[in-house]
C-alpha atoms as a PDB file:
ATOM      1  CA  MET A   1      58.205 -10.604 -24.922  1.00  0.00           C
ATOM      2  CA  LEU A   2      57.624  -6.786 -23.856  1.00  0.00           C
ATOM      3  CA  GLN A   3      54.791  -5.421 -22.178  1.00  0.00           C
ATOM      4  CA  GLY A   4      53.961  -2.164 -22.475  1.00  0.00           C
ATOM      5  CA  GLU A   5      51.420   0.440 -23.977  1.00  0.00           C
ATOM      6  CA  GLU A   6      48.823  -1.511 -24.401  1.00  0.00           C
ATOM      7  CA  ILE A   7      50.645  -3.631 -26.477  1.00  0.00           C
ATOM      8  CA  VAL A   8      52.730  -7.178 -26.633  1.00  0.00           C
ATOM      9  CA  LEU A   9      55.479  -7.464 -28.706  1.00  0.00           C
ATOM     10  CA  ARG A  10      57.049 -11.091 -28.758  1.00  0.00           C
ATOM     11  CA  ASP A  11      58.827 -13.355 -31.311  1.00  0.00           C
ATOM     12  CA  TRP A  12      56.827 -15.197 -34.088  1.00  0.00           C
ATOM     13  CA  LEU A  13      55.931 -18.662 -33.202  1.00  0.00           C
ATOM     14  CA  ASP A  14      54.578 -21.690 -35.428  1.00  0.00           C
ATOM     15  CA  ALA A  15      51.202 -21.187 -34.306  1.00  0.00           C
ATOM     16  CA  ASP A  16      50.783 -17.458 -35.788  1.00  0.00           C
ATOM     17  CA  LEU A  17      50.869 -19.396 -39.034  1.00  0.00           C
ATOM     18  CA  PRO A  18      47.244 -19.710 -40.158  1.00  0.00           C
ATOM     19  CA  ASP A  19      46.164 -16.278 -39.103  1.00  0.00           C
ATOM     20  CA  MET A  20      48.765 -14.650 -41.702  1.00  0.00           C
ATOM     21  CA  PRO A  21      47.186 -13.286 -44.522  1.00  0.00           C
ATOM     22  CA  PHE A  22      50.635 -14.501 -46.957  1.00  0.00           C
ATOM     23  CA  ASN A  23      52.930 -17.292 -47.570  1.00  0.00           C
ATOM     24  CA  ALA A  24      53.585 -18.164 -43.730  1.00  0.00           C
ATOM     25  CA  ASP A  25      55.975 -20.892 -44.167  1.00  0.00           C
ATOM     26  CA  ALA A  26      58.246 -18.391 -46.721  1.00  0.00           C
ATOM     27  CA  PHE A  27      57.718 -15.352 -44.326  1.00  0.00           C
ATOM     28  CA  LEU A  28      58.864 -18.006 -41.198  1.00  0.00           C
ATOM     29  CA  VAL A  29      61.979 -18.845 -43.169  1.00  0.00           C
ATOM     30  CA  ARG A  30      63.061 -14.701 -43.895  1.00  0.00           C
ATOM     31  CA  ILE A  31      63.059 -14.319 -40.496  1.00  0.00           C
ATOM     32  CA  ARG A  32      64.245 -17.129 -38.661  1.00  0.00           C
ATOM     33  CA  ARG A  33      67.576 -15.817 -41.503  1.00  0.00           C
ATOM     34  CA  ARG A  34      67.446 -12.494 -40.380  1.00  0.00           C
ATOM     35  CA  ARG A  35      67.916 -13.059 -37.134  1.00  0.00           C
ATOM     36  CA  ALA A  36      71.423 -14.654 -38.413  1.00  0.00           C
ATOM     37  CA  GLN A  37      71.990 -11.681 -39.608  1.00  0.00           C
ATOM     38  CA  GLY A  38      71.266  -9.600 -36.213  1.00  0.00           C
ATOM     39  CA  ILE A  39      67.905  -8.521 -37.366  1.00  0.00           C
ATOM     40  CA  VAL A  40      64.964  -9.756 -34.594  1.00  0.00           C
ATOM     41  CA  ASP A  41      61.343  -9.473 -36.455  1.00  0.00           C
ATOM     42  CA  LEU A  42      58.455  -8.945 -32.861  1.00  0.00           C
ATOM     43  CA  ALA A  43      54.368  -9.755 -33.438  1.00  0.00           C
ATOM     44  CA  VAL A  44      52.088  -7.175 -32.560  1.00  0.00           C
ATOM     45  CA  MET A  45      49.879  -7.526 -30.399  1.00  0.00           C
ATOM     46  CA  ARG A  46      46.839  -6.359 -28.275  1.00  0.00           C
ATOM     47  CA  ASP A  47      46.207  -8.491 -25.141  1.00  0.00           C
ATOM     48  CA  GLY A  48      48.422 -11.207 -26.762  1.00  0.00           C
ATOM     49  CA  GLY A  49      46.004 -12.191 -28.805  1.00  0.00           C
ATOM     50  CA  GLU A  50      46.494 -12.588 -32.755  1.00  0.00           C
ATOM     51  CA  PRO A  51      49.044 -10.772 -34.648  1.00  0.00           C
ATOM     52  CA  LEU A  52      48.739  -7.647 -36.783  1.00  0.00           C
ATOM     53  CA  GLY A  53      51.212  -6.325 -37.663  1.00  0.00           C
ATOM     54  CA  LEU A  54      55.279  -6.827 -36.820  1.00  0.00           C
ATOM     55  CA  VAL A  55      58.339  -4.208 -35.005  1.00  0.00           C
ATOM     56  CA  ALA A  56      62.254  -5.348 -35.951  1.00  0.00           C
ATOM     57  CA  LEU A  57      65.175  -4.143 -35.149  1.00  0.00           C
ATOM     58  CA  HIS A  58      68.463  -4.230 -36.084  1.00  0.00           C
ATOM     59  CA  MET A  59      71.222  -5.283 -33.807  1.00  0.00           C
ATOM     60  CA  THR A  60      74.422  -4.296 -35.141  1.00  0.00           C
ATOM     61  CA  ILE A  61      73.491  -0.594 -36.583  1.00  0.00           C
ATOM     62  CA  GLY A  62      70.325   0.376 -33.951  1.00  0.00           C
ATOM     63  CA  VAL A  63      67.318   0.770 -36.767  1.00  0.00           C
ATOM     64  CA  LEU A  64      63.626   0.335 -36.348  1.00  0.00           C
ATOM     65  CA  GLY A  65      61.392  -0.470 -38.800  1.00  0.00           C
ATOM     66  CA  HIS A  66      57.831  -1.759 -38.520  1.00  0.00           C
ATOM     67  CA  THR A  67      54.563  -2.765 -40.209  1.00  0.00           C
ATOM     68  CA  ILE A  68      51.098  -2.760 -39.442  1.00  0.00           C
ATOM     69  CA  GLY A  69      48.417  -5.415 -41.147  1.00  0.00           C
ATOM     70  CA  PRO A  70      45.970  -2.614 -43.486  1.00  0.00           C
ATOM     71  CA  ALA A  71      42.638  -3.705 -41.228  1.00  0.00           C
ATOM     72  CA  HIS A  72      45.048  -2.374 -38.074  1.00  0.00           C
ATOM     73  CA  ARG A  73      46.090   0.562 -39.093  1.00  0.00           C
ATOM     74  CA  GLY A  74      45.095   4.409 -37.949  1.00  0.00           C
ATOM     75  CA  ARG A  75      45.068   2.534 -34.657  1.00  0.00           C
ATOM     76  CA  GLY A  76      48.276   3.662 -32.663  1.00  0.00           C
ATOM     77  CA  MET A  77      49.552   0.288 -33.002  1.00  0.00           C
ATOM     78  CA  ALA A  78      52.855   1.168 -35.170  1.00  0.00           C
ATOM     79  CA  SER A  79      53.738   4.354 -32.405  1.00  0.00           C
ATOM     80  CA  ARG A  80      52.662   2.549 -29.374  1.00  0.00           C
ATOM     81  CA  SER A  81      55.450  -0.842 -30.670  1.00  0.00           C
ATOM     82  CA  LEU A  82      57.722   1.779 -31.540  1.00  0.00           C
ATOM     83  CA  ARG A  83      58.019   3.512 -28.478  1.00  0.00           C
ATOM     84  CA  LEU A  84      58.271   0.263 -26.164  1.00  0.00           C
ATOM     85  CA  MET A  85      60.507  -1.087 -28.800  1.00  0.00           C
ATOM     86  CA  THR A  86      62.285   2.012 -28.260  1.00  0.00           C
ATOM     87  CA  ARG A  87      62.265   2.070 -24.524  1.00  0.00           C
ATOM     88  CA  PHE A  88      64.043  -1.370 -24.207  1.00  0.00           C
ATOM     89  CA  CYS A  89      66.911  -0.425 -26.496  1.00  0.00           C
ATOM     90  CA  HIS A  90      67.609   2.652 -24.755  1.00  0.00           C
ATOM     91  CA  GLU A  91      67.321   0.841 -21.517  1.00  0.00           C
ATOM     92  CA  GLU A  92      68.188  -2.649 -21.383  1.00  0.00           C
ATOM     93  CA  LEU A  93      69.982  -3.129 -24.809  1.00  0.00           C
ATOM     94  CA  GLY A  94      72.089  -0.220 -24.104  1.00  0.00           C
ATOM     95  CA  PHE A  95      71.251   2.236 -27.218  1.00  0.00           C
ATOM     96  CA  SER A  96      72.756   6.001 -27.300  1.00  0.00           C
ATOM     97  CA  ARG A  97      70.526   6.711 -30.798  1.00  0.00           C
ATOM     98  CA  LEU A  98      68.203   4.617 -33.153  1.00  0.00           C
ATOM     99  CA  ARG A  99      66.731   4.855 -36.432  1.00  0.00           C
ATOM    100  CA  LEU A 100      63.573   4.513 -38.074  1.00  0.00           C
ATOM    101  CA  SER A 101      63.769   2.640 -41.272  1.00  0.00           C
ATOM    102  CA  ILE A 102      60.563   4.607 -43.450  1.00  0.00           C
ATOM    103  CA  VAL A 103      59.660   2.693 -46.542  1.00  0.00           C
ATOM    104  CA  PRO A 104      59.452   5.643 -48.844  1.00  0.00           C
ATOM    105  CA  GLY A 105      55.817   7.170 -49.201  1.00  0.00           C
ATOM    106  CA  ASN A 106      54.593   5.746 -46.474  1.00  0.00           C
ATOM    107  CA  VAL A 107      53.340   8.818 -45.859  1.00  0.00           C
ATOM    108  CA  PRO A 108      51.115   8.319 -42.316  1.00  0.00           C
ATOM    109  CA  SER A 109      54.916   6.864 -40.881  1.00  0.00           C
END
């Protein structure tokens, strides 16, 4: 779990299932499969509440990605999450460089 920038980043929990607006079981299977591939998906929360989005790190190649739920966009959650994760990657994991993966057409990112 990482805290800072007025947010919390943590692993997804089975307890998060009721709050997910999509097929939660498939999502948990997907993030567990991605973890086995070296990709860590963390829930983005404000003050430890319900997940508002996710930030991901591909551990072997140093690529970050993110998504914030539509109802929570425009509040700086993505940029704060990425700053927190970037600081952790540089200071704790020893990455000298990271890349950000953005979906084509995602102009705000």
